[in-house]
């Protein structure tokens, strides 16, 4: 897997959908990051319930959203959590949460920098 926080070529690929009237990419990137933020919070708050289907589903959705945006590291960690939930390896999920929070923070910083460069 690509270890970069954000895959810039994915952003460039998405930019072809931008128009002057519709900043599609900025909205997509922000929306995907919000999904990751909400899912991270959900996972932290609900890991104790040990509901493998819900945890798997949330991680799966967030992984797909992160892949769409090119958020490589987040997608990788959500993928790990998705598999761990399927396998009922709740300890693995708990172990992954600090990595997820660090990756979320790094992605937020990288996105802020990326969007600031554009303007």
PDB file of N, CA and C in Angstrom:
ATOM      1  N   UNK A   1       0.831  -1.182   0.000  1.00  0.00           N
ATOM      2  CA  UNK A   1       0.000   0.000   0.000  1.00  0.00           C
ATOM      3  C   UNK A   1       0.873   1.243   0.000  1.00  0.00           C
ATOM      4  N   UNK A   2       0.406   2.264  -0.636  1.00  0.00           N
ATOM      5  CA  UNK A   2       1.071   3.555  -0.707  1.00  0.00           C
ATOM      6  C   UNK A   2       1.070   4.198   0.673  1.00  0.00           C
ATOM      7  N   UNK A   3       2.237   4.568   1.183  1.00  0.00           N
ATOM      8  CA  UNK A   3       2.339   5.095   2.538  1.00  0.00           C
ATOM      9  C   UNK A   3       2.114   6.603   2.645  1.00  0.00           C
ATOM     10  N   UNK A   4       1.900   7.266   1.529  1.00  0.00           N
ATOM     11  CA  UNK A   4       1.655   8.710   1.592  1.00  0.00           C
ATOM     12  C   UNK A   4       0.316   8.975   2.270  1.00  0.00           C
ATOM     13  N   UNK A   5       0.227  10.091   2.968  1.00  0.00           N
ATOM     14  CA  UNK A   5      -1.011  10.458   3.649  1.00  0.00           C
ATOM     15  C   UNK A   5      -2.115  10.704   2.624  1.00  0.00           C
ATOM     16  N   UNK A   6      -1.798  11.482   1.585  1.00  0.00           N
ATOM     17  CA  UNK A   6      -2.767  11.778   0.523  1.00  0.00           C
ATOM     18  C   UNK A   6      -2.113  11.466  -0.815  1.00  0.00           C
ATOM     19  N   UNK A   7      -2.824  10.738  -1.655  1.00  0.00           N
ATOM     20  CA  UNK A   7      -2.335  10.424  -3.006  1.00  0.00           C
ATOM     21  C   UNK A   7      -2.665  11.603  -3.922  1.00  0.00           C
ATOM     22  N   UNK A   8      -1.655  12.418  -4.208  1.00  0.00           N
ATOM     23  CA  UNK A   8      -1.888  13.638  -4.986  1.00  0.00           C
ATOM     24  C   UNK A   8      -2.377  13.348  -6.400  1.00  0.00           C
ATOM     25  N   UNK A   9      -1.955  12.232  -6.962  1.00  0.00           N
ATOM     26  CA  UNK A   9      -2.439  11.905  -8.307  1.00  0.00           C
ATOM     27  C   UNK A   9      -3.940  11.635  -8.309  1.00  0.00           C
ATOM     28  N   UNK A  10      -4.457  11.150  -7.195  1.00  0.00           N
ATOM     29  CA  UNK A  10      -5.915  10.945  -7.072  1.00  0.00           C
ATOM     30  C   UNK A  10      -6.622  12.296  -7.053  1.00  0.00           C
ATOM     31  N   UNK A  11      -6.051  13.263  -6.355  1.00  0.00           N
ATOM     32  CA  UNK A  11      -6.617  14.610  -6.317  1.00  0.00           C
ATOM     33  C   UNK A  11      -6.597  15.215  -7.717  1.00  0.00           C
ATOM     34  N   UNK A  12      -5.476  15.065  -8.410  1.00  0.00           N
ATOM     35  CA  UNK A  12      -5.385  15.579  -9.785  1.00  0.00           C
ATOM     36  C   UNK A  12      -6.435  14.925 -10.682  1.00  0.00           C
ATOM     37  N   UNK A  13      -6.641  13.637 -10.499  1.00  0.00           N
ATOM     38  CA  UNK A  13      -7.646  12.912 -11.281  1.00  0.00           C
ATOM     39  C   UNK A  13      -9.048  13.463 -10.999  1.00  0.00           C
ATOM     40  N   UNK A  14      -9.320  13.752  -9.749  1.00  0.00           N
ATOM     41  CA  UNK A  14     -10.638  14.278  -9.368  1.00  0.00           C
ATOM     42  C   UNK A  14     -10.848  15.714  -9.839  1.00  0.00           C
ATOM     43  N   UNK A  15      -9.776  16.481  -9.945  1.00  0.00           N
ATOM     44  CA  UNK A  15      -9.900  17.892 -10.314  1.00  0.00           C
ATOM     45  C   UNK A  15     -10.553  18.090 -11.688  1.00  0.00           C
ATOM     46  N   UNK A  16     -10.533  17.096 -12.525  1.00  0.00           N
ATOM     47  CA  UNK A  16     -11.164  17.246 -13.847  1.00  0.00           C
ATOM     48  C   UNK A  16     -12.675  17.440 -13.729  1.00  0.00           C
ATOM     49  N   UNK A  17     -13.231  17.145 -12.558  1.00  0.00           N
ATOM     50  CA  UNK A  17     -14.663  17.334 -12.349  1.00  0.00           C
ATOM     51  C   UNK A  17     -14.996  18.712 -11.790  1.00  0.00           C
ATOM     52  N   UNK A  18     -13.973  19.474 -11.441  1.00  0.00           N
ATOM     53  CA  UNK A  18     -14.194  20.827 -10.940  1.00  0.00           C
ATOM     54  C   UNK A  18     -14.648  21.756 -12.062  1.00  0.00           C
ATOM     55  N   UNK A  19     -15.478  22.689 -11.705  1.00  0.00           N
ATOM     56  CA  UNK A  19     -15.824  23.793 -12.597  1.00  0.00           C
ATOM     57  C   UNK A  19     -15.669  25.080 -11.792  1.00  0.00           C
ATOM     58  N   UNK A  20     -15.725  26.222 -12.453  1.00  0.00           N
ATOM     59  CA  UNK A  20     -15.615  27.484 -11.729  1.00  0.00           C
ATOM     60  C   UNK A  20     -16.750  27.639 -10.724  1.00  0.00           C
ATOM     61  N   UNK A  21     -17.930  27.150 -11.093  1.00  0.00           N
ATOM     62  CA  UNK A  21     -19.101  27.308 -10.239  1.00  0.00           C
ATOM     63  C   UNK A  21     -19.207  26.245  -9.159  1.00  0.00           C
ATOM     64  N   UNK A  22     -18.508  25.152  -9.329  1.00  0.00           N
ATOM     65  CA  UNK A  22     -18.683  24.028  -8.413  1.00  0.00           C
ATOM     66  C   UNK A  22     -17.332  23.446  -8.009  1.00  0.00           C
ATOM     67  N   UNK A  23     -16.855  23.802  -6.815  1.00  0.00           N
ATOM     68  CA  UNK A  23     -15.578  23.259  -6.345  1.00  0.00           C
ATOM     69  C   UNK A  23     -15.745  21.823  -5.848  1.00  0.00           C
ATOM     70  N   UNK A  24     -16.017  20.940  -6.767  1.00  0.00           N
ATOM     71  CA  UNK A  24     -16.325  19.541  -6.452  1.00  0.00           C
ATOM     72  C   UNK A  24     -15.270  18.896  -5.565  1.00  0.00           C
ATOM     73  N   UNK A  25     -14.018  19.061  -5.921  1.00  0.00           N
ATOM     74  CA  UNK A  25     -12.955  18.342  -5.227  1.00  0.00           C
ATOM     75  C   UNK A  25     -12.825  18.803  -3.780  1.00  0.00           C
ATOM     76  N   UNK A  26     -12.841  20.105  -3.551  1.00  0.00           N
ATOM     77  CA  UNK A  26     -12.718  20.599  -2.179  1.00  0.00           C
ATOM     78  C   UNK A  26     -13.849  20.051  -1.308  1.00  0.00           C
ATOM     79  N   UNK A  27     -15.049  20.034  -1.850  1.00  0.00           N
ATOM     80  CA  UNK A  27     -16.197  19.515  -1.106  1.00  0.00           C
ATOM     81  C   UNK A  27     -16.072  18.011  -0.876  1.00  0.00           C
ATOM     82  N   UNK A  28     -15.640  17.286  -1.884  1.00  0.00           N
ATOM     83  CA  UNK A  28     -15.451  15.842  -1.753  1.00  0.00           C
ATOM     84  C   UNK A  28     -14.397  15.539  -0.694  1.00  0.00           C
ATOM     85  N   UNK A  29     -13.256  16.225  -0.775  1.00  0.00           N
ATOM     86  CA  UNK A  29     -12.174  15.984   0.175  1.00  0.00           C
ATOM     87  C   UNK A  29     -12.606  16.294   1.601  1.00  0.00           C
ATOM     88  N   UNK A  30     -13.302  17.391   1.769  1.00  0.00           N
ATOM     89  CA  UNK A  30     -13.781  17.766   3.104  1.00  0.00           C
ATOM     90  C   UNK A  30     -14.834  16.788   3.601  1.00  0.00           C
ATOM     91  N   UNK A  31     -15.727  16.366   2.723  1.00  0.00           N
ATOM     92  CA  UNK A  31     -16.769  15.408   3.102  1.00  0.00           C
ATOM     93  C   UNK A  31     -16.202  14.058   3.487  1.00  0.00           C
ATOM     94  N   UNK A  32     -15.224  13.593   2.740  1.00  0.00           N
ATOM     95  CA  UNK A  32     -14.595  12.310   3.052  1.00  0.00           C
ATOM     96  C   UNK A  32     -13.832  12.387   4.372  1.00  0.00           C
ATOM     97  N   UNK A  33     -13.207  13.522   4.623  1.00  0.00           N
ATOM     98  CA  UNK A  33     -12.505  13.695   5.891  1.00  0.00           C
ATOM     99  C   UNK A  33     -13.494  13.730   7.053  1.00  0.00           C
ATOM    100  N   UNK A  34     -14.631  14.366   6.844  1.00  0.00           N
ATOM    101  CA  UNK A  34     -15.663  14.394   7.886  1.00  0.00           C
ATOM    102  C   UNK A  34     -16.190  12.982   8.159  1.00  0.00           C
ATOM    103  N   UNK A  35     -16.368  12.189   7.123  1.00  0.00           N
ATOM    104  CA  UNK A  35     -16.779  10.792   7.302  1.00  0.00           C
ATOM    105  C   UNK A  35     -15.744  10.046   8.143  1.00  0.00           C
ATOM    106  N   UNK A  36     -14.474  10.253   7.841  1.00  0.00           N
ATOM    107  CA  UNK A  36     -13.407   9.603   8.610  1.00  0.00           C
ATOM    108  C   UNK A  36     -13.424  10.064  10.062  1.00  0.00           C
ATOM    109  N   UNK A  37     -13.628  11.349  10.271  1.00  0.00           N
ATOM    110  CA  UNK A  37     -13.668  11.906  11.628  1.00  0.00           C
ATOM    111  C   UNK A  37     -14.833  11.301  12.413  1.00  0.00           C
ATOM    112  N   UNK A  38     -16.011  11.288  11.806  1.00  0.00           N
ATOM    113  CA  UNK A  38     -17.194  10.747  12.480  1.00  0.00           C
ATOM    114  C   UNK A  38     -17.051   9.251  12.758  1.00  0.00           C
ATOM    115  N   UNK A  39     -16.492   8.530  11.803  1.00  0.00           N
ATOM    116  CA  UNK A  39     -16.318   7.086  11.983  1.00  0.00           C
ATOM    117  C   UNK A  39     -15.301   6.795  13.082  1.00  0.00           C
ATOM    118  N   UNK A  40     -14.240   7.572  13.124  1.00  0.00           N
ATOM    119  CA  UNK A  40     -13.243   7.405  14.181  1.00  0.00           C
ATOM    120  C   UNK A  40     -13.893   7.601  15.544  1.00  0.00           C
ATOM    121  N   UNK A  41     -14.671   8.638  15.670  1.00  0.00           N
ATOM    122  CA  UNK A  41     -15.378   8.901  16.924  1.00  0.00           C
ATOM    123  C   UNK A  41     -16.349   7.768  17.254  1.00  0.00           C
ATOM    124  N   UNK A  42     -17.077   7.318  16.254  1.00  0.00           N
ATOM    125  CA  UNK A  42     -18.018   6.215  16.460  1.00  0.00           C
ATOM    126  C   UNK A  42     -17.294   4.963  16.951  1.00  0.00           C
ATOM    127  N   UNK A  43     -16.207   4.620  16.285  1.00  0.00           N
ATOM    128  CA  UNK A  43     -15.463   3.419  16.659  1.00  0.00           C
ATOM    129  C   UNK A  43     -14.954   3.515  18.099  1.00  0.00           C
ATOM    130  N   UNK A  44     -14.422   4.678  18.464  1.00  0.00           N
ATOM    131  CA  UNK A  44     -13.936   4.868  19.833  1.00  0.00           C
ATOM    132  C   UNK A  44     -15.060   4.703  20.846  1.00  0.00           C
ATOM    133  N   UNK A  45     -16.224   5.236  20.520  1.00  0.00           N
ATOM    134  CA  UNK A  45     -17.341   5.226  21.463  1.00  0.00           C
ATOM    135  C   UNK A  45     -18.118   3.914  21.496  1.00  0.00           C
ATOM    136  N   UNK A  46     -17.968   3.076  20.467  1.00  0.00           N
ATOM    137  CA  UNK A  46     -18.791   1.870  20.378  1.00  0.00           C
ATOM    138  C   UNK A  46     -17.998   0.563  20.348  1.00  0.00           C
ATOM    139  N   UNK A  47     -16.693   0.630  20.463  1.00  0.00           N
ATOM    140  CA  UNK A  47     -15.898  -0.595  20.439  1.00  0.00           C
ATOM    141  C   UNK A  47     -16.303  -1.529  21.580  1.00  0.00           C
ATOM    142  N   UNK A  48     -16.691  -0.967  22.693  1.00  0.00           N
ATOM    143  CA  UNK A  48     -17.075  -1.765  23.852  1.00  0.00           C
ATOM    144  C   UNK A  48     -18.324  -2.604  23.648  1.00  0.00           C
ATOM    145  N   UNK A  49     -19.126  -2.244  22.655  1.00  0.00           N
ATOM    146  CA  UNK A  49     -20.348  -3.004  22.392  1.00  0.00           C
ATOM    147  C   UNK A  49     -20.079  -4.319  21.665  1.00  0.00           C
ATOM    148  N   UNK A  50     -18.905  -4.416  21.052  1.00  0.00           N
ATOM    149  CA  UNK A  50     -18.475  -5.650  20.382  1.00  0.00           C
ATOM    150  C   UNK A  50     -19.461  -6.140  19.309  1.00  0.00           C
ATOM    151  N   UNK A  51     -20.043  -5.195  18.599  1.00  0.00           N
ATOM    152  CA  UNK A  51     -20.980  -5.522  17.520  1.00  0.00           C
ATOM    153  C   UNK A  51     -20.200  -5.579  16.207  1.00  0.00           C
ATOM    154  N   UNK A  52     -19.803  -6.792  15.827  1.00  0.00           N
ATOM    155  CA  UNK A  52     -18.917  -6.935  14.675  1.00  0.00           C
ATOM    156  C   UNK A  52     -19.539  -6.416  13.381  1.00  0.00           C
ATOM    157  N   UNK A  53     -20.834  -6.595  13.205  1.00  0.00           N
ATOM    158  CA  UNK A  53     -21.469  -6.143  11.963  1.00  0.00           C
ATOM    159  C   UNK A  53     -21.453  -4.627  11.844  1.00  0.00           C
ATOM    160  N   UNK A  54     -21.780  -3.937  12.913  1.00  0.00           N
ATOM    161  CA  UNK A  54     -21.802  -2.476  12.888  1.00  0.00           C
ATOM    162  C   UNK A  54     -20.386  -1.927  12.719  1.00  0.00           C
ATOM    163  N   UNK A  55     -19.436  -2.453  13.470  1.00  0.00           N
ATOM    164  CA  UNK A  55     -18.056  -1.982  13.370  1.00  0.00           C
ATOM    165  C   UNK A  55     -17.487  -2.240  11.981  1.00  0.00           C
ATOM    166  N   UNK A  56     -17.757  -3.417  11.447  1.00  0.00           N
ATOM    167  CA  UNK A  56     -17.300  -3.767  10.105  1.00  0.00           C
ATOM    168  C   UNK A  56     -17.908  -2.835   9.067  1.00  0.00           C
ATOM    169  N   UNK A  57     -19.196  -2.604   9.166  1.00  0.00           N
ATOM    170  CA  UNK A  57     -19.891  -1.753   8.204  1.00  0.00           C
ATOM    171  C   UNK A  57     -19.369  -0.319   8.233  1.00  0.00           C
ATOM    172  N   UNK A  58     -19.198   0.223   9.428  1.00  0.00           N
ATOM    173  CA  UNK A  58     -18.691   1.601   9.570  1.00  0.00           C
ATOM    174  C   UNK A  58     -17.280   1.716   8.998  1.00  0.00           C
ATOM    175  N   UNK A  59     -16.426   0.762   9.338  1.00  0.00           N
ATOM    176  CA  UNK A  59     -15.048   0.794   8.843  1.00  0.00           C
ATOM    177  C   UNK A  59     -15.013   0.627   7.325  1.00  0.00           C
ATOM    178  N   UNK A  60     -15.860  -0.236   6.793  1.00  0.00           N
ATOM    179  CA  UNK A  60     -15.927  -0.466   5.349  1.00  0.00           C
ATOM    180  C   UNK A  60     -16.321   0.811   4.609  1.00  0.00           C
ATOM    181  N   UNK A  61     -17.348   1.481   5.107  1.00  0.00           N
ATOM    182  CA  UNK A  61     -17.817   2.717   4.480  1.00  0.00           C
ATOM    183  C   UNK A  61     -16.738   3.794   4.535  1.00  0.00           C
ATOM    184  N   UNK A  62     -16.097   3.937   5.680  1.00  0.00           N
ATOM    185  CA  UNK A  62     -15.045   4.944   5.814  1.00  0.00           C
ATOM    186  C   UNK A  62     -13.848   4.615   4.927  1.00  0.00           C
ATOM    187  N   UNK A  63     -13.503   3.343   4.833  1.00  0.00           N
ATOM    188  CA  UNK A  63     -12.381   2.944   3.968  1.00  0.00           C
ATOM    189  C   UNK A  63     -12.660   3.338   2.523  1.00  0.00           C
ATOM    190  N   UNK A  64     -13.878   3.052   2.053  1.00  0.00           N
ATOM    191  CA  UNK A  64     -14.240   3.408   0.680  1.00  0.00           C
ATOM    192  C   UNK A  64     -14.207   4.904   0.450  1.00  0.00           C
ATOM    193  N   UNK A  65     -14.702   5.660   1.394  1.00  0.00           N
ATOM    194  CA  UNK A  65     -14.690   7.114   1.295  1.00  0.00           C
ATOM    195  C   UNK A  65     -13.256   7.634   1.240  1.00  0.00           C
ATOM    196  N   UNK A  66     -12.402   7.092   2.086  1.00  0.00           N
ATOM    197  CA  UNK A  66     -11.002   7.509   2.104  1.00  0.00           C
ATOM    198  C   UNK A  66     -10.285   7.128   0.808  1.00  0.00           C
ATOM    199  N   UNK A  67     -10.596   5.975   0.271  1.00  0.00           N
ATOM    200  CA  UNK A  67     -10.004   5.580  -1.016  1.00  0.00           C
ATOM    201  C   UNK A  67     -10.431   6.541  -2.123  1.00  0.00           C
ATOM    202  N   UNK A  68     -11.703   6.946  -2.114  1.00  0.00           N
ATOM    203  CA  UNK A  68     -12.196   7.896  -3.107  1.00  0.00           C
ATOM    204  C   UNK A  68     -11.414   9.199  -3.073  1.00  0.00           C
ATOM    205  N   UNK A  69     -11.065   9.637  -1.866  1.00  0.00           N
ATOM    206  CA  UNK A  69     -10.381  10.914  -1.702  1.00  0.00           C
ATOM    207  C   UNK A  69      -8.861  10.802  -1.814  1.00  0.00           C
ATOM    208  N   UNK A  70      -8.350   9.591  -1.851  1.00  0.00           N
ATOM    209  CA  UNK A  70      -6.902   9.418  -1.896  1.00  0.00           C
ATOM    210  C   UNK A  70      -6.244   9.496  -0.532  1.00  0.00           C
ATOM    211  N   UNK A  71      -7.017   9.278   0.522  1.00  0.00           N
ATOM    212  CA  UNK A  71      -6.483   9.293   1.888  1.00  0.00           C
ATOM    213  C   UNK A  71      -5.945   7.904   2.209  1.00  0.00           C
ATOM    214  N   UNK A  72      -4.754   7.641   1.727  1.00  0.00           N
ATOM    215  CA  UNK A  72      -4.168   6.301   1.770  1.00  0.00           C
ATOM    216  C   UNK A  72      -4.034   5.716   3.162  1.00  0.00           C
ATOM    217  N   UNK A  73      -3.433   6.466   4.053  1.00  0.00           N
ATOM    218  CA  UNK A  73      -3.159   5.926   5.387  1.00  0.00           C
ATOM    219  C   UNK A  73      -4.453   5.644   6.142  1.00  0.00           C
ATOM    220  N   UNK A  74      -5.399   6.567   6.054  1.00  0.00           N
ATOM    221  CA  UNK A  74      -6.692   6.332   6.706  1.00  0.00           C
ATOM    222  C   UNK A  74      -7.379   5.104   6.120  1.00  0.00           C
ATOM    223  N   UNK A  75      -7.362   4.984   4.804  1.00  0.00           N
ATOM    224  CA  UNK A  75      -8.002   3.834   4.156  1.00  0.00           C
ATOM    225  C   UNK A  75      -7.364   2.529   4.621  1.00  0.00           C
ATOM    226  N   UNK A  76      -6.055   2.532   4.753  1.00  0.00           N
ATOM    227  CA  UNK A  76      -5.356   1.324   5.201  1.00  0.00           C
ATOM    228  C   UNK A  76      -5.789   0.932   6.622  1.00  0.00           C
ATOM    229  N   UNK A  77      -5.849   1.904   7.508  1.00  0.00           N
ATOM    230  CA  UNK A  77      -6.218   1.601   8.893  1.00  0.00           C
ATOM    231  C   UNK A  77      -7.678   1.190   8.991  1.00  0.00           C
ATOM    232  N   UNK A  78      -8.562   1.879   8.274  1.00  0.00           N
ATOM    233  CA  UNK A  78      -9.961   1.461   8.274  1.00  0.00           C
ATOM    234  C   UNK A  78     -10.104   0.047   7.714  1.00  0.00           C
ATOM    235  N   UNK A  79      -9.291  -0.296   6.727  1.00  0.00           N
ATOM    236  CA  UNK A  79      -9.307  -1.654   6.190  1.00  0.00           C
ATOM    237  C   UNK A  79      -8.883  -2.684   7.229  1.00  0.00           C
ATOM    238  N   UNK A  80      -7.866  -2.349   8.007  1.00  0.00           N
ATOM    239  CA  UNK A  80      -7.428  -3.229   9.092  1.00  0.00           C
ATOM    240  C   UNK A  80      -8.541  -3.424  10.106  1.00  0.00           C
ATOM    241  N   UNK A  81      -9.210  -2.339  10.444  1.00  0.00           N
ATOM    242  CA  UNK A  81     -10.310  -2.402  11.410  1.00  0.00           C
ATOM    243  C   UNK A  81     -11.477  -3.209  10.844  1.00  0.00           C
ATOM    244  N   UNK A  82     -11.748  -3.023   9.567  1.00  0.00           N
ATOM    245  CA  UNK A  82     -12.825  -3.768   8.908  1.00  0.00           C
ATOM    246  C   UNK A  82     -12.582  -5.276   9.014  1.00  0.00           C
ATOM    247  N   UNK A  83     -11.385  -5.689   8.706  1.00  0.00           N
ATOM    248  CA  UNK A  83     -11.036  -7.115   8.783  1.00  0.00           C
ATOM    249  C   UNK A  83     -11.078  -7.607  10.228  1.00  0.00           C
ATOM    250  N   UNK A  84     -10.549  -6.800  11.142  1.00  0.00           N
ATOM    251  CA  UNK A  84     -10.550  -7.179  12.559  1.00  0.00           C
ATOM    252  C   UNK A  84     -11.975  -7.350  13.079  1.00  0.00           C
ATOM    253  N   UNK A  85     -12.876  -6.468  12.650  1.00  0.00           N
ATOM    254  CA  UNK A  85     -14.277  -6.585  13.086  1.00  0.00           C
ATOM    255  C   UNK A  85     -14.885  -7.870  12.542  1.00  0.00           C
ATOM    256  N   UNK A  86     -14.621  -8.156  11.290  1.00  0.00           N
ATOM    257  CA  UNK A  86     -15.149  -9.387  10.689  1.00  0.00           C
ATOM    258  C   UNK A  86     -14.660 -10.611  11.453  1.00  0.00           C
ATOM    259  N   UNK A  87     -13.396 -10.552  11.887  1.00  0.00           N
ATOM    260  CA  UNK A  87     -12.790 -11.676  12.608  1.00  0.00           C
ATOM    261  C   UNK A  87     -13.059 -11.625  14.116  1.00  0.00           C
ATOM    262  N   UNK A  88     -13.835 -10.637  14.536  1.00  0.00           N
ATOM    263  CA  UNK A  88     -14.138 -10.433  15.953  1.00  0.00           C
ATOM    264  C   UNK A  88     -12.880 -10.248  16.786  1.00  0.00           C
ATOM    265  N   UNK A  89     -11.900  -9.595  16.194  1.00  0.00           N
ATOM    266  CA  UNK A  89     -10.646  -9.296  16.883  1.00  0.00           C
ATOM    267  C   UNK A  89     -10.733  -7.871  17.440  1.00  0.00           C
ATOM    268  N   UNK A  90     -11.517  -7.733  18.485  1.00  0.00           N
ATOM    269  CA  UNK A  90     -11.788  -6.411  19.042  1.00  0.00           C
ATOM    270  C   UNK A  90     -10.541  -5.778  19.657  1.00  0.00           C
ATOM    271  N   UNK A  91      -9.640  -6.592  20.167  1.00  0.00           N
ATOM    272  CA  UNK A  91      -8.383  -6.067  20.698  1.00  0.00           C
ATOM    273  C   UNK A  91      -7.576  -5.408  19.584  1.00  0.00           C
ATOM    274  N   UNK A  92      -7.596  -5.988  18.390  1.00  0.00           N
ATOM    275  CA  UNK A  92      -6.895  -5.398  17.248  1.00  0.00           C
ATOM    276  C   UNK A  92      -7.502  -4.038  16.894  1.00  0.00           C
ATOM    277  N   UNK A  93      -8.802  -3.936  16.970  1.00  0.00           N
ATOM    278  CA  UNK A  93      -9.456  -2.650  16.700  1.00  0.00           C
ATOM    279  C   UNK A  93      -8.992  -1.623  17.723  1.00  0.00           C
ATOM    280  N   UNK A  94      -9.016  -2.006  18.997  1.00  0.00           N
ATOM    281  CA  UNK A  94      -8.581  -1.093  20.051  1.00  0.00           C
ATOM    282  C   UNK A  94      -7.133  -0.655  19.853  1.00  0.00           C
ATOM    283  N   UNK A  95      -6.298  -1.576  19.409  1.00  0.00           N
ATOM    284  CA  UNK A  95      -4.897  -1.267  19.140  1.00  0.00           C
ATOM    285  C   UNK A  95      -4.753  -0.316  17.953  1.00  0.00           C
ATOM    286  N   UNK A  96      -5.656  -0.406  17.000  1.00  0.00           N
ATOM    287  CA  UNK A  96      -5.596   0.425  15.794  1.00  0.00           C
ATOM    288  C   UNK A  96      -6.110   1.845  16.014  1.00  0.00           C
ATOM    289  N   UNK A  97      -6.896   2.063  17.049  1.00  0.00           N
ATOM    290  CA  UNK A  97      -7.517   3.382  17.247  1.00  0.00           C
ATOM    291  C   UNK A  97      -6.513   4.520  17.428  1.00  0.00           C
ATOM    292  N   UNK A  98      -5.439   4.363  18.212  1.00  0.00           N
ATOM    293  CA  UNK A  98      -4.466   5.463  18.291  1.00  0.00           C
ATOM    294  C   UNK A  98      -3.816   5.774  16.936  1.00  0.00           C
ATOM    295  N   UNK A  99      -3.510   4.734  16.151  1.00  0.00           N
ATOM    296  CA  UNK A  99      -2.968   4.940  14.802  1.00  0.00           C
ATOM    297  C   UNK A  99      -3.972   5.682  13.928  1.00  0.00           C
ATOM    298  N   UNK A 100      -5.223   5.319  14.073  1.00  0.00           N
ATOM    299  CA  UNK A 100      -6.284   5.963  13.305  1.00  0.00           C
ATOM    300  C   UNK A 100      -6.366   7.446  13.664  1.00  0.00           C
ATOM    301  N   UNK A 101      -6.310   7.763  14.934  1.00  0.00           N
ATOM    302  CA  UNK A 101      -6.371   9.165  15.356  1.00  0.00           C
ATOM    303  C   UNK A 101      -5.164   9.955  14.849  1.00  0.00           C
ATOM    304  N   UNK A 102      -3.978   9.367  14.890  1.00  0.00           N
ATOM    305  CA  UNK A 102      -2.784  10.042  14.368  1.00  0.00           C
ATOM    306  C   UNK A 102      -2.903  10.258  12.862  1.00  0.00           C
ATOM    307  N   UNK A 103      -3.387   9.250  12.150  1.00  0.00           N
ATOM    308  CA  UNK A 103      -3.545   9.370  10.702  1.00  0.00           C
ATOM    309  C   UNK A 103      -4.602  10.418  10.350  1.00  0.00           C
ATOM    310  N   UNK A 104      -5.653  10.478  11.136  1.00  0.00           N
ATOM    311  CA  UNK A 104      -6.694  11.475  10.911  1.00  0.00           C
ATOM    312  C   UNK A 104      -6.119  12.877  11.079  1.00  0.00           C
ATOM    313  N   UNK A 105      -5.360  13.084  12.132  1.00  0.00           N
ATOM    314  CA  UNK A 105      -4.738  14.387  12.369  1.00  0.00           C
ATOM    315  C   UNK A 105      -3.758  14.747  11.244  1.00  0.00           C
ATOM    316  N   UNK A 106      -2.947  13.798  10.834  1.00  0.00           N
ATOM    317  CA  UNK A 106      -1.982  14.044   9.757  1.00  0.00           C
ATOM    318  C   UNK A 106      -2.698  14.358   8.444  1.00  0.00           C
ATOM    319  N   UNK A 107      -3.788  13.654   8.182  1.00  0.00           N
ATOM    320  CA  UNK A 107      -4.551  13.893   6.958  1.00  0.00           C
ATOM    321  C   UNK A 107      -5.202  15.270   6.992  1.00  0.00           C
ATOM    322  N   UNK A 108      -5.748  15.649   8.144  1.00  0.00           N
ATOM    323  CA  UNK A 108      -6.338  16.983   8.284  1.00  0.00           C
ATOM    324  C   UNK A 108      -5.299  18.063   8.000  1.00  0.00           C
ATOM    325  N   UNK A 109      -4.110  17.909   8.551  1.00  0.00           N
ATOM    326  CA  UNK A 109      -3.041  18.882   8.335  1.00  0.00           C
ATOM    327  C   UNK A 109      -2.614  18.920   6.872  1.00  0.00           C
ATOM    328  N   UNK A 110      -2.451  17.754   6.277  1.00  0.00           N
ATOM    329  CA  UNK A 110      -2.040  17.695   4.875  1.00  0.00           C
ATOM    330  C   UNK A 110      -3.106  18.299   3.964  1.00  0.00           C
ATOM    331  N   UNK A 111      -4.372  18.028   4.252  1.00  0.00           N
ATOM    332  CA  UNK A 111      -5.451  18.583   3.436  1.00  0.00           C
ATOM    333  C   UNK A 111      -5.509  20.095   3.589  1.00  0.00           C
ATOM    334  N   UNK A 112      -5.373  20.578   4.804  1.00  0.00           N
ATOM    335  CA  UNK A 112      -5.370  22.031   5.034  1.00  0.00           C
ATOM    336  C   UNK A 112      -4.251  22.681   4.215  1.00  0.00           C
ATOM    337  N   UNK A 113      -3.079  22.091   4.251  1.00  0.00           N
ATOM    338  CA  UNK A 113      -1.944  22.606   3.487  1.00  0.00           C
ATOM    339  C   UNK A 113      -2.205  22.553   1.978  1.00  0.00           C
ATOM    340  N   UNK A 114      -2.759  21.445   1.537  1.00  0.00           N
ATOM    341  CA  UNK A 114      -3.056  21.269   0.109  1.00  0.00           C
ATOM    342  C   UNK A 114      -4.071  22.300  -0.380  1.00  0.00           C
ATOM    343  N   UNK A 115      -5.135  22.506   0.376  1.00  0.00           N
ATOM    344  CA  UNK A 115      -6.167  23.454  -0.031  1.00  0.00           C
ATOM    345  C   UNK A 115      -5.672  24.903   0.069  1.00  0.00           C
ATOM    346  N   UNK A 116      -4.803  25.190   1.023  1.00  0.00           N
ATOM    347  CA  UNK A 116      -4.256  26.538   1.158  1.00  0.00           C
ATOM    348  C   UNK A 116      -3.351  26.871  -0.018  1.00  0.00           C
ATOM    349  N   UNK A 117      -2.637  25.885  -0.546  1.00  0.00           N
ATOM    350  CA  UNK A 117      -1.748  26.091  -1.702  1.00  0.00           C
ATOM    351  C   UNK A 117      -2.544  26.445  -2.947  1.00  0.00           C
ATOM    352  N   UNK A 118      -3.728  25.916  -3.045  1.00  0.00           N
ATOM    353  CA  UNK A 118      -4.549  26.096  -4.251  1.00  0.00           C
ATOM    354  C   UNK A 118      -5.020  27.537  -4.380  1.00  0.00           C
ATOM    355  N   UNK A 119      -5.216  28.205  -3.257  1.00  0.00           N
ATOM    356  CA  UNK A 119      -5.809  29.544  -3.294  1.00  0.00           C
ATOM    357  C   UNK A 119      -4.794  30.646  -3.287  1.00  0.00           C
TER     358      UNK A 119
END
